[in-house]
Protein backbone atom coordinates (compact mmCIF):
# COMPACT_ATOMS: atom_id res chain seq x y z
CA MET A 1 -263.64 -80.99 124.50
CA VAL A 2 -263.74 -77.65 126.34
CA ASP A 3 -267.02 -76.85 128.09
CA THR A 4 -268.83 -73.60 127.52
CA VAL A 5 -269.94 -71.48 130.44
CA SER A 6 -272.58 -68.74 129.63
CA ALA A 7 -271.67 -65.10 130.64
CA ALA A 8 -274.60 -65.13 133.05
CA SER A 9 -273.35 -68.37 134.76
CA ALA A 10 -269.79 -66.89 134.87
CA ARG A 11 -271.21 -63.90 136.81
CA ARG A 12 -272.97 -66.06 139.30
CA ILE A 13 -269.98 -68.32 139.74
CA ALA A 14 -267.74 -65.27 140.37
CA LEU A 15 -270.13 -63.78 142.86
CA ALA A 16 -270.65 -67.01 144.68
CA ALA A 17 -266.80 -67.50 144.97
CA GLN A 18 -266.92 -64.13 146.74
CA GLY A 19 -269.55 -65.03 149.25
CA PHE A 20 -272.63 -63.50 147.69
CA ALA A 21 -274.64 -66.80 147.23
CA ARG A 22 -275.43 -66.98 150.98
CA PRO A 23 -278.02 -65.05 152.89
CA HIS A 24 -276.63 -62.63 155.65
CA PRO A 25 -276.19 -64.58 158.99
CA ALA A 26 -278.47 -63.81 161.84
CA THR A 27 -275.48 -62.63 163.90
CA VAL A 28 -271.93 -61.80 162.87
CA GLY A 29 -269.14 -62.84 165.19
CA ALA A 30 -265.53 -63.87 164.94
CA ARG A 31 -266.39 -67.16 163.24
CA GLN A 32 -268.31 -65.48 160.47
CA LEU A 33 -265.60 -62.76 160.09
CA ASN A 34 -262.78 -65.26 159.95
CA ALA A 35 -264.54 -67.46 157.41
CA LEU A 36 -265.22 -64.48 155.16
CA ILE A 37 -261.56 -63.27 155.22
CA GLU A 38 -260.39 -66.84 154.52
CA ARG A 39 -262.76 -66.89 151.56
CA VAL A 40 -261.67 -63.66 149.96
CA GLY A 41 -258.13 -64.00 150.98
CA LEU A 42 -257.40 -60.38 151.79
CA LEU A 43 -258.99 -56.98 152.71
CA GLN A 44 -257.56 -54.09 150.82
CA LEU A 45 -256.74 -50.94 152.96
CA ASP A 46 -257.42 -47.44 151.81
CA SER A 47 -257.28 -44.17 153.86
CA VAL A 48 -260.31 -42.55 152.22
CA ASN A 49 -263.01 -42.10 154.88
CA VAL A 50 -265.70 -40.01 153.26
CA PHE A 51 -268.24 -42.75 153.77
CA GLU A 52 -266.34 -45.53 155.55
CA ARG A 53 -262.78 -47.02 155.17
CA SER A 54 -262.64 -49.44 152.30
CA HIS A 55 -261.71 -52.63 154.34
CA TYR A 56 -264.89 -52.50 156.38
CA LEU A 57 -267.16 -52.48 153.24
CA PRO A 58 -266.60 -55.89 151.71
CA VAL A 59 -267.51 -57.48 155.08
CA PHE A 60 -270.79 -55.36 155.30
CA ALA A 61 -271.62 -56.23 151.69
CA ARG A 62 -271.31 -59.95 152.34
CA LEU A 63 -272.48 -60.38 155.96
CA GLY A 64 -274.69 -57.26 156.72
CA HIS A 65 -274.65 -55.47 159.96
CA TYR A 66 -271.56 -56.22 162.20
CA ASP A 67 -269.47 -54.57 164.78
CA LYS A 68 -266.51 -52.86 163.23
CA ALA A 69 -264.71 -53.10 166.51
CA SER A 70 -264.93 -56.96 166.25
CA LEU A 71 -263.20 -56.74 162.91
CA ASP A 72 -260.52 -54.45 164.29
CA ALA A 73 -259.98 -56.90 167.14
CA LEU A 74 -259.41 -59.66 164.72
CA THR A 75 -257.32 -57.85 161.95
CA PHE A 76 -255.51 -55.34 164.03
CA ALA A 77 -254.49 -57.41 166.86
CA ARG A 78 -250.86 -57.29 167.85
CA ARG A 79 -250.29 -61.03 167.61
CA GLY A 80 -253.41 -62.23 165.89
CA ARG A 81 -254.39 -64.27 162.86
CA TYR A 82 -253.73 -61.47 160.53
CA VAL A 83 -250.99 -59.18 159.36
CA GLU A 84 -250.48 -56.44 156.73
CA TYR A 85 -248.40 -56.55 153.42
CA TRP A 86 -248.44 -55.49 149.83
CA ALA A 87 -250.57 -58.28 148.51
CA HIS A 88 -253.05 -56.78 145.89
CA GLU A 89 -252.21 -53.35 147.30
CA ALA A 90 -251.64 -52.56 150.99
CA ALA A 91 -253.96 -55.27 152.60
CA VAL A 92 -254.77 -57.33 155.57
CA ILE A 93 -253.87 -61.01 154.94
CA PRO A 94 -253.78 -64.21 157.08
CA VAL A 95 -250.42 -64.67 158.62
CA GLU A 96 -249.99 -67.95 156.75
CA THR A 97 -250.02 -65.84 153.48
CA TRP A 98 -247.12 -63.73 154.50
CA PRO A 99 -244.41 -66.33 153.74
CA LEU A 100 -245.99 -66.89 150.32
CA LEU A 101 -244.94 -63.27 149.56
CA ARG A 102 -241.19 -63.56 150.47
CA TRP A 103 -240.26 -63.55 146.83
CA ARG A 104 -241.83 -60.14 146.55
CA MET A 105 -239.94 -58.99 149.60
CA GLU A 106 -236.66 -60.18 148.05
CA GLU A 107 -237.52 -58.48 144.79
CA TYR A 108 -237.98 -55.22 146.58
CA ARG A 109 -234.63 -55.66 148.44
CA GLN A 110 -232.84 -56.51 145.18
CA ARG A 111 -234.31 -53.52 143.33
CA HIS A 112 -233.04 -51.24 146.09
CA ALA A 113 -229.65 -52.82 146.11
CA ALA A 114 -229.24 -52.50 142.37
CA ASP A 115 -230.21 -48.74 142.49
CA LEU A 116 -227.31 -46.73 143.74
CA ASP A 117 -229.69 -43.62 143.99
CA ALA A 118 -232.19 -45.61 146.21
CA TRP A 119 -232.90 -44.00 149.60
CA ALA A 120 -231.60 -47.12 151.44
CA HIS A 121 -228.05 -46.73 150.12
CA SER A 122 -227.45 -43.35 151.72
CA ASN A 123 -229.55 -44.03 154.91
CA ARG A 124 -228.16 -47.26 156.24
CA SER A 125 -227.68 -45.67 159.78
CA MET A 126 -231.35 -44.79 159.86
CA ILE A 127 -232.30 -48.28 158.95
CA ASP A 128 -230.15 -49.73 161.65
CA TRP A 129 -231.45 -47.19 164.13
CA LEU A 130 -235.05 -48.05 163.39
CA LYS A 131 -234.61 -51.75 163.89
CA ALA A 132 -232.64 -51.12 167.04
CA GLU A 133 -235.31 -48.79 168.46
CA LEU A 134 -238.05 -51.38 167.78
CA ALA A 135 -235.94 -54.20 169.32
CA GLU A 136 -235.47 -52.03 172.42
CA LYS A 137 -239.02 -50.66 172.89
CA GLY A 138 -241.24 -53.05 171.11
CA PRO A 139 -243.89 -52.38 168.45
CA MET A 140 -244.55 -48.60 167.89
CA PRO A 141 -246.41 -46.37 165.45
CA ALA A 142 -244.51 -44.17 163.08
CA SER A 143 -245.47 -41.05 164.99
CA ALA A 144 -243.82 -42.26 168.24
CA ILE A 145 -240.64 -43.33 166.39
CA GLU A 146 -240.47 -39.96 164.61
CA HIS A 147 -240.71 -38.23 167.98
CA ASP A 148 -237.79 -40.27 169.34
CA ALA A 149 -235.80 -39.63 166.17
CA ASN A 150 -236.13 -35.86 166.47
CA LYS A 151 -235.38 -35.96 170.08
CA ARG A 152 -232.25 -38.10 169.74
CA SER A 153 -230.62 -37.44 166.53
CA GLY A 154 -230.91 -33.95 165.08
CA PRO A 155 -232.99 -32.30 162.34
CA TRP A 156 -232.01 -34.66 159.55
CA TRP A 157 -233.89 -37.43 161.35
CA GLY A 158 -237.26 -36.09 160.49
CA TRP A 159 -240.72 -37.44 159.52
CA SER A 160 -239.86 -38.19 155.92
CA ASP A 161 -236.76 -40.23 156.81
CA VAL A 162 -238.54 -42.16 159.51
CA LYS A 163 -241.65 -42.87 157.35
CA THR A 164 -239.46 -43.76 154.33
CA GLY A 165 -237.28 -46.07 156.44
CA LEU A 166 -240.15 -47.87 158.00
CA GLU A 167 -241.79 -48.47 154.60
CA VAL A 168 -238.55 -49.74 153.02
CA LEU A 169 -238.14 -52.16 155.84
CA PHE A 170 -241.84 -53.13 155.76
CA ARG A 171 -241.54 -53.84 152.03
CA TRP A 172 -238.45 -55.90 152.64
CA GLY A 173 -240.16 -58.02 155.30
CA GLU A 174 -237.70 -56.87 157.93
CA LEU A 175 -240.54 -55.12 159.72
CA VAL A 176 -244.17 -56.16 159.94
CA SER A 177 -247.43 -54.61 161.03
CA ALA A 178 -248.41 -54.83 164.66
CA GLY A 179 -251.93 -53.68 164.47
CA ARG A 180 -253.57 -50.16 164.03
CA THR A 181 -254.81 -47.50 166.27
CA ARG A 182 -257.16 -44.83 164.73
CA PHE A 183 -255.84 -46.46 161.47
CA GLU A 184 -252.28 -45.55 162.20
CA ARG A 185 -250.16 -48.64 161.56
CA SER A 186 -247.68 -49.74 164.37
CA TYR A 187 -244.44 -51.52 163.17
CA ALA A 188 -242.56 -54.39 164.77
CA LEU A 189 -239.76 -56.94 164.18
CA PRO A 190 -241.20 -60.09 162.73
CA GLU A 191 -240.24 -62.05 165.96
CA GLN A 192 -242.30 -59.60 168.06
CA VAL A 193 -245.53 -60.34 166.06
CA LEU A 194 -245.40 -63.52 164.01
CA PRO A 195 -245.35 -67.18 165.09
CA ASP A 196 -241.97 -68.89 164.73
CA ALA A 197 -243.47 -71.38 162.29
CA VAL A 198 -244.38 -68.34 159.92
CA ILE A 199 -240.98 -66.61 160.39
CA HIS A 200 -239.05 -69.77 159.59
CA SER A 201 -241.28 -70.86 156.60
CA HIS A 202 -239.29 -70.39 153.47
CA ILE A 203 -241.34 -71.64 150.45
CA PRO A 204 -239.63 -71.92 147.12
CA ARG A 205 -240.72 -68.94 144.75
CA ASP A 206 -242.52 -71.36 142.31
CA ASP A 207 -244.43 -73.15 145.04
CA ALA A 208 -245.39 -69.94 146.69
CA GLN A 209 -246.63 -68.43 143.46
CA ARG A 210 -248.73 -71.56 142.67
CA GLN A 211 -250.31 -71.26 146.08
CA LEU A 212 -251.20 -67.71 145.51
CA VAL A 213 -252.75 -68.46 142.14
CA ARG A 214 -254.68 -71.26 143.70
CA HIS A 215 -255.97 -68.80 146.30
CA ALA A 216 -256.79 -66.32 143.55
CA ALA A 217 -258.66 -69.02 141.47
CA GLU A 218 -260.68 -70.12 144.49
CA ALA A 219 -261.51 -66.46 145.17
CA HIS A 220 -262.63 -65.85 141.51
CA GLY A 221 -264.39 -69.06 140.88
CA ILE A 222 -263.93 -68.49 137.14
CA GLY A 223 -261.44 -66.19 135.53
CA THR A 224 -258.56 -65.61 133.14
CA ALA A 225 -254.88 -65.90 133.87
CA GLY A 226 -254.76 -62.15 133.93
CA ASP A 227 -257.62 -62.01 136.57
CA PHE A 228 -255.72 -64.51 138.76
CA ALA A 229 -252.49 -62.49 138.30
CA ASP A 230 -254.12 -59.28 139.35
CA TYR A 231 -255.38 -60.66 142.64
CA PHE A 232 -251.95 -60.77 144.24
CA ARG A 233 -250.32 -58.47 141.61
CA MET A 234 -248.14 -61.16 140.15
CA GLY A 235 -246.43 -61.24 136.74
CA ARG A 236 -248.12 -62.60 133.80
CA ALA A 237 -245.35 -65.25 132.96
CA ASP A 238 -245.18 -66.46 136.54
CA THR A 239 -249.07 -66.72 136.68
CA LEU A 240 -249.18 -68.68 133.43
CA THR A 241 -246.66 -71.18 134.72
CA ALA A 242 -248.66 -71.66 137.86
CA VAL A 243 -252.05 -71.89 135.96
CA GLN A 244 -250.64 -74.65 133.73
CA SER A 245 -249.41 -76.60 136.77
CA LEU A 246 -252.87 -76.23 138.43
CA ALA A 247 -254.50 -77.33 135.26
CA ASP A 248 -252.19 -80.32 135.00
CA GLU A 249 -253.34 -81.29 138.51
CA GLY A 250 -256.98 -80.85 137.58
CA VAL A 251 -257.57 -77.85 139.92
CA LEU A 252 -258.31 -75.60 137.04
CA LEU A 253 -260.50 -76.57 134.07
CA PRO A 254 -260.32 -74.86 130.82
CA VAL A 255 -263.68 -73.42 129.69
CA THR A 256 -265.03 -70.92 127.06
CA VAL A 257 -267.14 -67.98 128.04
CA PRO A 258 -268.81 -66.24 125.16
CA GLY A 259 -267.58 -62.68 124.80
CA TRP A 260 -264.24 -63.32 126.69
CA LYS A 261 -261.22 -62.99 124.39
CA GLN A 262 -258.77 -64.77 126.66
CA GLN A 263 -258.87 -68.33 127.78
CA ALA A 264 -261.11 -68.86 130.86
CA TRP A 265 -260.35 -71.12 133.70
CA LEU A 266 -263.01 -72.71 136.17
CA HIS A 267 -261.92 -73.82 139.57
CA ARG A 268 -263.01 -77.41 140.11
CA ASP A 269 -264.70 -76.63 143.40
CA ALA A 270 -266.43 -73.53 142.28
CA GLN A 271 -270.17 -73.14 143.13
CA LYS A 272 -272.49 -72.88 140.07
CA PRO A 273 -275.70 -71.37 141.43
CA ARG A 274 -278.77 -70.95 139.19
CA ARG A 275 -279.45 -67.65 140.72
CA ILE A 276 -277.93 -65.02 143.03
CA ASN A 277 -280.27 -63.13 145.36
CA THR A 278 -278.45 -60.31 146.96
CA GLY A 279 -278.02 -56.55 147.29
CA ALA A 280 -274.93 -54.71 148.22
CA LEU A 281 -273.03 -51.42 148.01
CA LEU A 282 -269.48 -52.28 146.97
CA SER A 283 -266.29 -50.46 147.93
CA PRO A 284 -264.27 -49.28 144.95
CA PHE A 285 -261.61 -51.77 146.29
CA ASP A 286 -263.86 -54.78 146.63
CA PRO A 287 -262.46 -57.77 144.74
CA VAL A 288 -265.61 -57.97 142.75
CA VAL A 289 -264.82 -54.63 141.05
CA TRP A 290 -261.25 -53.73 141.80
CA ASP A 291 -259.91 -55.13 138.56
CA ARG A 292 -261.80 -52.65 136.26
CA LYS A 293 -261.26 -54.79 133.10
CA ARG A 294 -262.79 -57.75 134.80
CA ALA A 295 -265.71 -55.77 136.06
CA GLU A 296 -266.37 -54.59 132.56
CA ARG A 297 -266.08 -58.05 131.23
CA LEU A 298 -268.33 -59.70 133.78
CA PHE A 299 -270.97 -56.93 134.32
CA ASP A 300 -270.53 -54.65 131.31
CA PHE A 301 -269.65 -52.02 133.96
CA HIS A 302 -267.23 -49.35 133.11
CA TYR A 303 -265.94 -47.97 136.38
CA ARG A 304 -263.54 -45.36 137.56
CA ILE A 305 -263.42 -43.45 140.81
CA GLU A 306 -263.15 -39.70 140.54
CA ILE A 307 -261.25 -38.74 143.63
CA TYR A 308 -258.50 -37.16 141.61
CA THR A 309 -260.82 -35.53 139.01
CA PRO A 310 -261.56 -31.87 139.56
CA ALA A 311 -265.08 -31.44 140.89
CA PRO A 312 -266.49 -29.68 137.66
CA LYS A 313 -265.32 -32.57 135.53
CA ARG A 314 -266.68 -35.45 137.72
CA VAL A 315 -269.32 -37.51 135.95
CA PHE A 316 -270.65 -39.68 138.75
CA GLY A 317 -269.19 -38.23 142.00
CA TYR A 318 -266.21 -38.16 144.32
CA TYR A 319 -266.30 -41.71 145.66
CA SER A 320 -269.11 -43.62 143.93
CA LEU A 321 -269.91 -47.10 145.21
CA PRO A 322 -271.07 -49.71 142.59
CA ILE A 323 -274.55 -51.08 143.41
CA LEU A 324 -274.86 -54.91 143.21
CA ILE A 325 -278.42 -56.26 142.79
CA ASP A 326 -278.69 -60.03 142.35
CA ASP A 327 -275.99 -60.82 139.72
CA SER A 328 -275.83 -57.38 138.07
CA VAL A 329 -274.11 -54.14 138.85
CA VAL A 330 -277.11 -51.77 138.36
CA GLY A 331 -275.81 -48.37 139.18
CA ARG A 332 -273.44 -46.39 141.44
CA ILE A 333 -273.97 -44.04 144.48
CA ASP A 334 -271.81 -41.47 145.98
CA LEU A 335 -272.27 -41.50 149.83
CA LYS A 336 -270.89 -39.01 152.44
CA ASN A 337 -271.03 -39.96 156.16
CA ASP A 338 -271.72 -36.61 157.91
CA ARG A 339 -270.75 -37.89 161.28
CA GLN A 340 -271.13 -34.52 163.03
CA ALA A 341 -274.70 -34.04 161.87
CA GLY A 342 -275.66 -37.76 162.06
CA VAL A 343 -276.67 -37.73 158.46
CA LEU A 344 -275.91 -40.02 155.41
CA ARG A 345 -275.74 -37.75 152.42
CA VAL A 346 -276.46 -39.29 149.01
CA GLN A 347 -274.43 -36.87 146.91
CA SER A 348 -275.34 -38.54 143.61
CA ALA A 349 -277.07 -41.69 142.49
CA TRP A 350 -277.18 -43.31 138.95
CA HIS A 351 -278.71 -46.30 137.30
CA GLU A 352 -276.77 -47.98 134.48
CA ALA A 353 -278.01 -47.92 130.87
CA GLY A 354 -280.68 -50.35 130.35
CA VAL A 355 -281.67 -50.42 134.03
CA GLY A 356 -284.96 -48.78 134.88
CA GLN A 357 -285.69 -46.34 137.67
CA GLU A 358 -287.75 -48.91 139.44
CA ILE A 359 -284.48 -50.35 140.74
CA ALA A 360 -284.76 -47.64 143.43
CA GLU A 361 -287.05 -50.01 145.27
CA ARG A 362 -284.10 -52.33 145.71
CA VAL A 363 -281.55 -49.68 146.47
CA ALA A 364 -283.48 -47.81 149.07
CA PRO A 365 -283.21 -50.60 151.74
CA LEU A 366 -279.48 -50.82 151.09
CA VAL A 367 -279.10 -47.06 151.85
CA ARG A 368 -281.18 -47.30 154.95
CA SER A 369 -279.21 -50.31 156.08
CA ALA A 370 -275.92 -48.46 155.63
CA ALA A 371 -277.25 -45.46 157.63
CA VAL A 372 -278.28 -47.82 160.47
CA TRP A 373 -274.93 -49.61 160.36
CA GLN A 374 -273.10 -46.26 160.61
CA GLY A 375 -275.39 -45.13 163.48
CA LEU A 376 -276.83 -42.22 161.43
CA ASP A 377 -280.26 -40.87 162.14
CA ASP A 378 -281.16 -39.29 158.85
CA ILE A 379 -280.69 -39.65 155.03
CA THR A 380 -280.58 -36.71 152.58
CA VAL A 381 -280.52 -37.11 148.75
CA SER A 382 -279.18 -34.53 146.40
CA ASP A 383 -280.77 -34.14 142.86
CA TRP A 384 -277.59 -35.23 140.93
CA GLY A 385 -278.01 -38.40 138.87
CA THR A 386 -280.56 -40.48 137.04
CA LEU A 387 -281.49 -42.52 140.22
CA ALA A 388 -281.51 -39.55 142.61
CA GLY A 389 -285.09 -38.56 142.20
CA PRO A 390 -286.54 -42.13 142.36
CA LEU A 391 -284.34 -42.94 145.22
CA ALA A 392 -285.41 -39.88 147.18
CA ALA A 393 -289.04 -40.68 146.50
CA GLU A 394 -288.67 -44.26 147.66
CA LEU A 395 -286.82 -43.21 150.88
CA ALA A 396 -289.52 -40.67 151.58
CA ARG A 397 -292.22 -43.27 151.12
CA ALA A 398 -290.72 -45.44 153.77
């Protein structure tokens, strides 16, 4: 007999799996940061910096105030516990996850090999030069390599060729990340950065994908095969094979969630809290909401970022952050970090349908906390959005 999990319980299970069932620690150091990254499995990278770069926000949402430099020291160290690769999208992952993605590297390589119009076919000399340059000089950022290319090899060795070549080799796994400085990635040969055990670890494709789906299921707590597939951007057929294998082992348990059209799977070790007591501003690329279909199914939250929408046509704002209160997404807020003026600007704020304006009492402390974390002295609130007025009043009251 297949057990039934209520929709409310599914939300709480999902949030607990993502680390939201625990209070913020009194202090945040390397131990707490490492434990969090191990739990979620990856931190997605994004260059938008209107409030804060995306990979910093899931940590703040789950742990509260922490020193971003401490996270940089862990995640962007040249020979550390983490490396970057195309996991969900571009993301920081534990080095142990890197060999689990060799099948993806091989797919990229085969795709380029089969496409006679691919850049790599007509630029083999550039590819060889890039690898030789890094072998001779060690890890370097693209800007330094581009400078050497222009200096040495003439006008056709410009920025676009250097950057394209580095990204091709990075996707193939022939180059890896060697940290970032001011968010610019450095590139290296694998042997310059990764442990020998990781470099020489060759895991069969099926086993690697099974491990990735296991990681995804742990990070979800409960989900569909499609949810698990999206976490590491795997194909549906491969994911279904892995799900069935994990179900046969008893790692995944089939359950029914009212309102879910697809088969749901519960991880056998998933926490099942009776309540979630939390509050957080979520990055658009937080695992809780990055799969928009899952966010709608779990939270009845229809979410799209409007970066590429012309300003007059935006409904909620340029870069609205979902607002999580307890086990519900109750609204969205568009924040701008005016670093020069030392002001956190609330450019719009909205509550969801069915959520009252009194939610401002719970949201105001989150906004204040975000300003303090960013070292900003003041907060301003525009008059755009259903929550803007109540939030401004609540902030003024404090």
